[in-house]
C-alpha cells in the first residue's frame, strides 16, 4: 500500500489525481488523500467494474501501462530456436 501511495504523485498528473479522488469519494481538501485513495482499491471483489478499475489504476502506478502493449509483453512467447553456441575444440 505504501508503495502505491508513493507512486501516485510520480505516475499521475494533478488533474488525473483530482479526477480519481472525486470518482472514488476521497475529499480533495482532506488529509492523507493518497492513503485514503489506495485503501479504497480492491474493496469490492464482487463488483467486476470495481476490480477492473482497481487493476487499471494499480497497473498505471506500478508502470505496466508505460509501454502500451501490456498483455502482449506479459504473455508474448518467443518461439525462435536458440542459436547453436557450440564451440569446436580444434
Protein backbone atom coordinates (compact mmCIF):
# COMPACT_ATOMS: atom_id res chain seq x y z
CA UNK A 1 0.00 0.00 0.00
CA UNK A 2 2.77 2.41 0.87
CA UNK A 3 4.46 1.70 -2.48
CA UNK A 4 1.29 2.62 -4.37
CA UNK A 5 0.73 5.67 -2.22
CA UNK A 6 4.20 6.97 -3.03
CA UNK A 7 3.78 6.38 -6.76
CA UNK A 8 0.61 8.49 -7.07
CA UNK A 9 2.46 11.80 -7.43
CA UNK A 10 5.05 10.45 -9.84
CA UNK A 11 2.70 8.49 -12.12
CA UNK A 12 -0.41 10.69 -12.15
CA UNK A 13 -0.65 14.31 -13.17
CA UNK A 14 -2.59 16.60 -10.79
CA UNK A 15 -5.72 16.57 -12.98
CA UNK A 16 -5.75 12.74 -13.04
CA UNK A 17 -5.35 12.62 -9.26
CA UNK A 18 -8.22 15.03 -8.68
CA UNK A 19 -10.49 13.11 -11.06
CA UNK A 20 -9.70 9.82 -9.33
CA UNK A 21 -10.19 11.32 -5.87
CA UNK A 22 -13.61 12.63 -6.87
CA UNK A 23 -14.60 9.35 -8.55
CA UNK A 24 -13.52 7.29 -5.53
CA UNK A 25 -15.08 9.69 -2.96
CA UNK A 26 -11.84 10.98 -1.47
CA UNK A 27 -12.11 14.58 -0.19
CA UNK A 28 -9.95 16.91 -2.27
CA UNK A 29 -9.11 19.01 0.77
CA UNK A 30 -8.77 16.14 3.22
CA UNK A 31 -5.61 14.89 4.85
CA UNK A 32 -3.83 11.77 3.64
CA UNK A 33 -5.73 11.73 0.36
CA UNK A 34 -3.30 9.29 -1.24
CA UNK A 35 -3.65 6.81 1.60
CA UNK A 36 -7.45 7.10 1.58
CA UNK A 37 -7.48 6.53 -2.15
CA UNK A 38 -5.20 3.47 -2.07
CA UNK A 39 -7.25 1.96 0.76
CA UNK A 40 -10.36 2.11 -1.45
CA UNK A 41 -8.78 -0.07 -4.15
CA UNK A 42 -9.88 -3.73 -4.22
CA UNK A 43 -12.54 -3.18 -1.53
CA UNK A 44 -15.35 -4.82 -3.51
CA UNK A 45 -14.13 -8.07 -5.10
CA UNK A 46 -17.68 -8.97 -6.23
CA UNK A 47 -18.08 -5.88 -8.42
CA UNK A 48 -16.30 -6.62 -11.70
CA UNK A 49 -16.18 -2.93 -12.66
CA UNK A 50 -14.55 -2.03 -9.36
CA UNK A 51 -12.00 -4.82 -9.78
CA UNK A 52 -11.23 -3.73 -13.37
CA UNK A 53 -10.77 -0.10 -12.35
CA UNK A 54 -8.59 -1.07 -9.39
CA UNK A 55 -6.44 -3.23 -11.67
CA UNK A 56 -6.04 -0.43 -14.21
CA UNK A 57 -5.01 2.05 -11.53
CA UNK A 58 -2.51 -0.33 -9.94
CA UNK A 59 -1.09 -1.19 -13.39
CA UNK A 60 -0.60 2.50 -14.10
CA UNK A 61 1.00 3.19 -10.73
CA UNK A 62 3.32 0.20 -10.99
CA UNK A 63 4.31 1.07 -14.55
CA UNK A 64 2.73 -1.71 -16.61
CA UNK A 65 0.92 0.90 -18.70
CA UNK A 66 4.06 2.72 -19.81
CA UNK A 67 4.67 0.55 -22.85
CA UNK A 68 1.16 0.47 -24.24
CA UNK A 69 1.11 -3.27 -25.03
CA UNK A 70 0.64 -4.66 -21.55
CA UNK A 71 -0.78 -8.05 -22.40
CA UNK A 72 1.46 -8.60 -25.40
CA UNK A 73 4.56 -8.04 -23.30
CA UNK A 74 3.28 -10.09 -20.38
CA UNK A 75 2.22 -13.13 -22.41
CA UNK A 76 4.32 -12.99 -25.56
CA UNK A 77 6.18 -16.21 -26.21
CA UNK A 78 9.40 -16.48 -28.11
CA UNK A 79 9.40 -19.46 -30.47
CA UNK A 80 12.74 -18.79 -32.13
CA UNK A 81 15.32 -21.50 -31.95
CA UNK A 82 18.27 -20.77 -29.68
CA UNK A 83 21.44 -20.18 -31.62
CA UNK A 84 23.94 -23.01 -31.74
CA UNK A 85 26.69 -21.89 -29.41
CA UNK A 86 28.84 -24.99 -29.56
CA UNK A 87 32.48 -24.23 -29.62
CA UNK A 88 34.65 -26.57 -31.66
CA UNK A 89 37.70 -27.66 -29.74
CA UNK A 90 40.10 -27.82 -32.64
